[in-house]
Amino acid sequence: MNATIKSLVERRSIRAYEPEQIKEEELQAMLETGYYAPSSMGKQARHVVVIQKPEVMEKITELVKAALIEIHFEKYFKHAHNEKYAVNWDAPTFIIVSGDPEASSLAAGDCGLFLGNFFAAGESLGIGTCWINQLNPVCDVPEVRAYLTELGVPTNHQVYGCASVGYPRGIKPQPVPR
C-alpha cells in the first residue's frame, strides 16, 4: 500500500489530544494541502480561520452550547448540557472552514474537500484530527455570528466544517467495519 492510500485508510477521528501545540510547519503543510483540494469551477471560494488560543475556544464552546439550546437542536443536546464538553475536544488547534453559498452552489462540497485533504495530510504527519459539526447549525445565531465575524469569518459565509487538530493522546480508535 503506498503512503497516500495508507494515510487515507488509517486516519481516524481523534477526540483526545496532548496539550502541546502542533508545530507551525506542520500546520502550514496541512493548510497548504487543503488549499490544493479541488473546488467548484476552480473558484477556491472557501475561507479558513485557525484558532490556537484557549480563551477563544472557551468562548466558542460557551456560545455554541447556548445556541444549541436556544434553537433546540436535539442532535447535540447531550453536548450542550455537558459542562465538560468542549467543541474542540480540548485540542490545541481548531480550524473553521466556511464558504460563500452565493459564490458557489457547491460551497459545502468545496469546504469538505479542503477538510479531506487537511485530514489526510495530518495523518501523514502523525497529527490527529476530528471533523466538528456543532458550529454549522448555529453559525447564524446572532451572538455566534458576531463572534465569528470578530474572528475573521466573512459575514456572507456559512460555516460548513470545523476540525480539532493536535497530537493524539492514547490509542487510536479501531476502524468501523465497512
C-alpha atoms as a PDB file:
ATOM      1  CA  MET A   1       0.000   0.000   0.000  1.00  0.00           C
ATOM      2  CA  ASN A   2       1.501   3.375  -0.925  1.00  0.00           C
ATOM      3  CA  ALA A   3       1.832   6.224   1.598  1.00  0.00           C
ATOM      4  CA  THR A   4      -1.141   8.233   0.280  1.00  0.00           C
ATOM      5  CA  ILE A   5      -3.570   5.338   0.438  1.00  0.00           C
ATOM      6  CA  LYS A   6      -2.173   4.308   3.830  1.00  0.00           C
ATOM      7  CA  SER A   7      -2.870   7.808   5.246  1.00  0.00           C
ATOM      8  CA  LEU A   8      -6.407   7.766   3.889  1.00  0.00           C
ATOM      9  CA  VAL A   9      -7.193   4.264   5.169  1.00  0.00           C
ATOM     10  CA  GLU A  10      -5.585   4.657   8.600  1.00  0.00           C
ATOM     11  CA  ARG A  11      -6.990   8.078   9.518  1.00  0.00           C
ATOM     12  CA  ARG A  12      -9.412   8.062  12.448  1.00  0.00           C
ATOM     13  CA  SER A  13     -11.318  10.784  14.288  1.00  0.00           C
ATOM     14  CA  ILE A  14      -9.335  11.690  17.363  1.00  0.00           C
ATOM     15  CA  ARG A  15     -11.104  13.050  20.446  1.00  0.00           C
ATOM     16  CA  ALA A  16      -8.232  13.100  22.955  1.00  0.00           C
ATOM     17  CA  TYR A  17      -5.203  15.328  22.444  1.00  0.00           C
ATOM     18  CA  GLU A  18      -1.894  16.137  24.055  1.00  0.00           C
ATOM     19  CA  PRO A  19      -1.803  19.745  25.297  1.00  0.00           C
ATOM     20  CA  GLU A  20       1.343  20.512  23.253  1.00  0.00           C
ATOM     21  CA  GLN A  21       0.694  22.798  20.280  1.00  0.00           C
ATOM     22  CA  ILE A  22       1.472  21.360  16.850  1.00  0.00           C
ATOM     23  CA  LYS A  23       4.470  22.777  15.034  1.00  0.00           C
ATOM     24  CA  GLU A  24       3.859  25.766  12.757  1.00  0.00           C
ATOM     25  CA  GLU A  25       5.422  23.991   9.770  1.00  0.00           C
ATOM     26  CA  GLU A  26       3.091  21.025  10.290  1.00  0.00           C
ATOM     27  CA  LEU A  27       0.053  23.303  10.410  1.00  0.00           C
ATOM     28  CA  GLN A  28       1.190  25.150   7.282  1.00  0.00           C
ATOM     29  CA  ALA A  29       1.743  21.871   5.413  1.00  0.00           C
ATOM     30  CA  MET A  30      -1.758  20.701   6.351  1.00  0.00           C
ATOM     31  CA  LEU A  31      -3.329  24.007   5.318  1.00  0.00           C
ATOM     32  CA  GLU A  32      -1.454  24.069   2.009  1.00  0.00           C
ATOM     33  CA  THR A  33      -2.591  20.509   1.282  1.00  0.00           C
ATOM     34  CA  GLY A  34      -6.163  21.615   1.998  1.00  0.00           C
ATOM     35  CA  TYR A  35      -5.848  24.597  -0.329  1.00  0.00           C
ATOM     36  CA  TYR A  36      -4.850  22.255  -3.156  1.00  0.00           C
ATOM     37  CA  ALA A  37      -8.149  20.375  -2.877  1.00  0.00           C
ATOM     38  CA  PRO A  38     -10.433  20.691  -5.879  1.00  0.00           C
ATOM     39  CA  SER A  39     -13.132  23.354  -5.801  1.00  0.00           C
ATOM     40  CA  SER A  40     -16.169  24.094  -7.929  1.00  0.00           C
ATOM     41  CA  MET A  41     -15.083  25.848 -11.133  1.00  0.00           C
ATOM     42  CA  GLY A  42     -11.673  26.417  -9.508  1.00  0.00           C
ATOM     43  CA  LYS A  43     -13.094  29.354  -7.528  1.00  0.00           C
ATOM     44  CA  GLN A  44     -11.329  28.457  -4.270  1.00  0.00           C
ATOM     45  CA  ALA A  45     -14.219  30.253  -2.518  1.00  0.00           C
ATOM     46  CA  ARG A  46     -13.505  28.883   0.924  1.00  0.00           C
ATOM     47  CA  HIS A  47     -12.080  30.674   3.940  1.00  0.00           C
ATOM     48  CA  VAL A  48     -10.152  29.184   6.862  1.00  0.00           C
ATOM     49  CA  VAL A  49      -9.723  30.610  10.353  1.00  0.00           C
ATOM     50  CA  VAL A  50      -7.125  28.997  12.641  1.00  0.00           C
ATOM     51  CA  ILE A  51      -7.616  29.275  16.397  1.00  0.00           C
ATOM     52  CA  GLN A  52      -4.879  28.390  18.861  1.00  0.00           C
ATOM     53  CA  LYS A  53      -5.849  30.445  21.914  1.00  0.00           C
ATOM     54  CA  PRO A  54      -7.627  28.528  24.707  1.00  0.00           C
ATOM     55  CA  GLU A  55      -9.664  31.566  25.758  1.00  0.00           C
ATOM     56  CA  VAL A  56     -11.077  31.877  22.225  1.00  0.00           C
ATOM     57  CA  MET A  57     -12.073  28.200  22.233  1.00  0.00           C
ATOM     58  CA  GLU A  58     -13.716  28.570  25.637  1.00  0.00           C
ATOM     59  CA  LYS A  59     -15.788  31.462  24.260  1.00  0.00           C
ATOM     60  CA  ILE A  60     -16.749  29.482  21.129  1.00  0.00           C
ATOM     61  CA  THR A  61     -17.775  26.496  23.272  1.00  0.00           C
ATOM     62  CA  GLU A  62     -19.867  28.727  25.546  1.00  0.00           C
ATOM     63  CA  LEU A  63     -21.611  30.392  22.588  1.00  0.00           C
ATOM     64  CA  VAL A  64     -22.223  27.132  20.720  1.00  0.00           C
ATOM     65  CA  LYS A  65     -23.679  25.377  23.763  1.00  0.00           C
ATOM     66  CA  ALA A  66     -26.041  28.300  24.454  1.00  0.00           C
ATOM     67  CA  ALA A  67     -27.064  28.489  20.792  1.00  0.00           C
ATOM     68  CA  LEU A  68     -27.756  24.746  20.542  1.00  0.00           C
ATOM     69  CA  ILE A  69     -30.120  25.101  23.491  1.00  0.00           C
ATOM     70  CA  GLU A  70     -31.673  28.274  22.053  1.00  0.00           C
ATOM     71  CA  ILE A  71     -32.505  26.714  18.686  1.00  0.00           C
ATOM     72  CA  HIS A  72     -33.500  23.387  20.307  1.00  0.00           C
ATOM     73  CA  PHE A  73     -31.068  21.384  18.198  1.00  0.00           C
ATOM     74  CA  GLU A  74     -31.758  17.974  19.741  1.00  0.00           C
ATOM     75  CA  LYS A  75     -28.993  16.116  17.923  1.00  0.00           C
ATOM     76  CA  TYR A  76     -26.387  17.937  20.036  1.00  0.00           C
ATOM     77  CA  PHE A  77     -28.346  18.451  23.291  1.00  0.00           C
ATOM     78  CA  LYS A  78     -26.106  15.983  25.105  1.00  0.00           C
ATOM     79  CA  HIS A  79     -23.132  18.252  24.334  1.00  0.00           C
ATOM     80  CA  ALA A  80     -24.992  21.457  25.120  1.00  0.00           C
ATOM     81  CA  HIS A  81     -25.870  20.196  28.595  1.00  0.00           C
ATOM     82  CA  ASN A  82     -22.484  18.618  29.397  1.00  0.00           C
ATOM     83  CA  GLU A  83     -20.367  21.050  31.407  1.00  0.00           C
ATOM     84  CA  LYS A  84     -17.171  19.147  30.481  1.00  0.00           C
ATOM     85  CA  TYR A  85     -17.826  19.254  26.731  1.00  0.00           C
ATOM     86  CA  ALA A  86     -15.570  21.447  24.602  1.00  0.00           C
ATOM     87  CA  VAL A  87     -16.374  21.984  20.927  1.00  0.00           C
ATOM     88  CA  ASN A  88     -12.733  21.285  20.025  1.00  0.00           C
ATOM     89  CA  TRP A  89     -12.360  18.191  22.268  1.00  0.00           C
ATOM     90  CA  ASP A  90      -9.629  20.214  24.049  1.00  0.00           C
ATOM     91  CA  ALA A  91      -7.350  20.107  21.002  1.00  0.00           C
ATOM     92  CA  PRO A  92      -4.719  22.857  20.937  1.00  0.00           C
ATOM     93  CA  THR A  93      -5.674  23.916  17.387  1.00  0.00           C
ATOM     94  CA  PHE A  94      -9.132  24.392  15.896  1.00  0.00           C
ATOM     95  CA  ILE A  95      -9.978  25.424  12.358  1.00  0.00           C
ATOM     96  CA  ILE A  96     -13.195  26.839  10.962  1.00  0.00           C
ATOM     97  CA  VAL A  97     -13.831  26.338   7.239  1.00  0.00           C
ATOM     98  CA  SER A  98     -16.505  28.497   5.635  1.00  0.00           C
ATOM     99  CA  GLY A  99     -17.737  29.262   2.159  1.00  0.00           C
ATOM    100  CA  ASP A 100     -19.958  31.722   0.349  1.00  0.00           C
ATOM    101  CA  PRO A 101     -23.090  29.869  -0.798  1.00  0.00           C
ATOM    102  CA  GLU A 102     -23.881  32.752  -3.187  1.00  0.00           C
ATOM    103  CA  ALA A 103     -20.484  32.478  -4.906  1.00  0.00           C
ATOM    104  CA  SER A 104     -20.801  28.733  -5.362  1.00  0.00           C
ATOM    105  CA  SER A 105     -23.766  26.427  -5.032  1.00  0.00           C
ATOM    106  CA  LEU A 106     -21.196  23.767  -4.174  1.00  0.00           C
ATOM    107  CA  ALA A 107     -19.507  25.662  -1.325  1.00  0.00           C
ATOM    108  CA  ALA A 108     -20.265  22.883   1.161  1.00  0.00           C
ATOM    109  CA  GLY A 109     -18.510  20.332  -1.036  1.00  0.00           C
ATOM    110  CA  ASP A 110     -15.553  22.656  -1.585  1.00  0.00           C
ATOM    111  CA  CYS A 111     -15.121  23.011   2.180  1.00  0.00           C
ATOM    112  CA  GLY A 112     -15.491  19.259   2.660  1.00  0.00           C
ATOM    113  CA  LEU A 113     -12.799  18.563   0.082  1.00  0.00           C
ATOM    114  CA  PHE A 114     -10.491  21.042   1.827  1.00  0.00           C
ATOM    115  CA  LEU A 115     -11.018  19.210   5.116  1.00  0.00           C
ATOM    116  CA  GLY A 116     -10.478  15.798   3.487  1.00  0.00           C
ATOM    117  CA  ASN A 117      -7.073  16.853   2.192  1.00  0.00           C
ATOM    118  CA  PHE A 118      -6.286  18.580   5.503  1.00  0.00           C
ATOM    119  CA  PHE A 119      -7.130  15.410   7.465  1.00  0.00           C
ATOM    120  CA  ALA A 120      -5.065  13.157   5.166  1.00  0.00           C
ATOM    121  CA  ALA A 121      -2.073  15.481   5.499  1.00  0.00           C
ATOM    122  CA  GLY A 122      -2.445  15.436   9.277  1.00  0.00           C
ATOM    123  CA  GLU A 123      -2.496  11.650   9.351  1.00  0.00           C
ATOM    124  CA  SER A 124       0.686  11.522   7.274  1.00  0.00           C
ATOM    125  CA  LEU A 125       2.374  13.825   9.822  1.00  0.00           C
ATOM    126  CA  GLY A 126       1.158  11.931  12.910  1.00  0.00           C
ATOM    127  CA  ILE A 127      -1.356  14.654  13.799  1.00  0.00           C
ATOM    128  CA  GLY A 128      -4.859  13.780  14.936  1.00  0.00           C
ATOM    129  CA  THR A 129      -7.968  15.483  13.618  1.00  0.00           C
ATOM    130  CA  CYS A 130     -11.701  15.291  14.090  1.00  0.00           C
ATOM    131  CA  TRP A 131     -14.468  16.766  11.949  1.00  0.00           C
ATOM    132  CA  ILE A 132     -16.611  19.035  14.135  1.00  0.00           C
ATOM    133  CA  ASN A 133     -20.227  19.805  13.167  1.00  0.00           C
ATOM    134  CA  GLN A 134     -21.633  21.679  16.158  1.00  0.00           C
ATOM    135  CA  LEU A 135     -20.791  25.151  14.827  1.00  0.00           C
ATOM    136  CA  ASN A 136     -22.523  24.586  11.483  1.00  0.00           C
ATOM    137  CA  PRO A 137     -26.188  24.731  12.582  1.00  0.00           C
ATOM    138  CA  VAL A 138     -25.674  27.706  14.901  1.00  0.00           C
ATOM    139  CA  CYS A 139     -23.350  29.949  12.871  1.00  0.00           C
ATOM    140  CA  ASP A 140     -26.174  32.400  12.130  1.00  0.00           C
ATOM    141  CA  VAL A 141     -27.415  32.727  15.717  1.00  0.00           C
ATOM    142  CA  PRO A 142     -26.673  36.447  16.293  1.00  0.00           C
ATOM    143  CA  GLU A 143     -24.256  36.045  19.220  1.00  0.00           C
ATOM    144  CA  VAL A 144     -22.345  33.288  17.436  1.00  0.00           C
ATOM    145  CA  ARG A 145     -22.270  35.197  14.140  1.00  0.00           C
ATOM    146  CA  ALA A 146     -20.941  38.321  15.866  1.00  0.00           C
ATOM    147  CA  TYR A 147     -18.069  36.368  17.411  1.00  0.00           C
ATOM    148  CA  LEU A 148     -17.302  34.521  14.163  1.00  0.00           C
ATOM    149  CA  THR A 149     -17.132  37.883  12.387  1.00  0.00           C
ATOM    150  CA  GLU A 150     -14.759  39.140  15.069  1.00  0.00           C
ATOM    151  CA  LEU A 151     -12.579  36.079  14.428  1.00  0.00           C
ATOM    152  CA  GLY A 152     -12.462  36.771  10.681  1.00  0.00           C
ATOM    153  CA  VAL A 153     -15.212  34.574   9.229  1.00  0.00           C
ATOM    154  CA  PRO A 154     -16.813  36.655   6.442  1.00  0.00           C
ATOM    155  CA  THR A 155     -20.398  37.655   7.251  1.00  0.00           C
ATOM    156  CA  ASN A 156     -21.703  36.213   3.971  1.00  0.00           C
ATOM    157  CA  HIS A 157     -20.136  32.806   4.648  1.00  0.00           C
ATOM    158  CA  GLN A 158     -21.746  29.683   6.005  1.00  0.00           C
ATOM    159  CA  VAL A 159     -19.614  27.502   8.294  1.00  0.00           C
ATOM    160  CA  TYR A 160     -19.510  24.108   6.592  1.00  0.00           C
ATOM    161  CA  GLY A 161     -16.999  22.301   8.754  1.00  0.00           C
ATOM    162  CA  CYS A 162     -14.512  22.634  11.574  1.00  0.00           C
ATOM    163  CA  ALA A 163     -11.680  20.486  12.830  1.00  0.00           C
ATOM    164  CA  SER A 164      -9.941  19.828  16.092  1.00  0.00           C
ATOM    165  CA  VAL A 165      -6.220  19.343  15.493  1.00  0.00           C
ATOM    166  CA  GLY A 166      -3.395  18.098  17.705  1.00  0.00           C
ATOM    167  CA  TYR A 167      -1.093  15.284  18.677  1.00  0.00           C
ATOM    168  CA  PRO A 168      -3.210  12.252  19.613  1.00  0.00           C
ATOM    169  CA  ARG A 169      -3.304  11.086  23.211  1.00  0.00           C
ATOM    170  CA  GLY A 170      -3.855   7.404  23.859  1.00  0.00           C
ATOM    171  CA  ILE A 171      -4.647   4.598  21.490  1.00  0.00           C
ATOM    172  CA  LYS A 172      -6.046   5.339  18.029  1.00  0.00           C
ATOM    173  CA  PRO A 173      -9.647   4.111  17.637  1.00  0.00           C
ATOM    174  CA  GLN A 174     -10.150   0.944  15.615  1.00  0.00           C
ATOM    175  CA  PRO A 175     -11.837   1.218  12.225  1.00  0.00           C
ATOM    176  CA  VAL A 176     -15.558   0.663  11.915  1.00  0.00           C
ATOM    177  CA  PRO A 177     -16.264  -2.245   9.528  1.00  0.00           C
ATOM    178  CA  ARG A 178     -17.113  -1.021   6.045  1.00  0.00           C
END
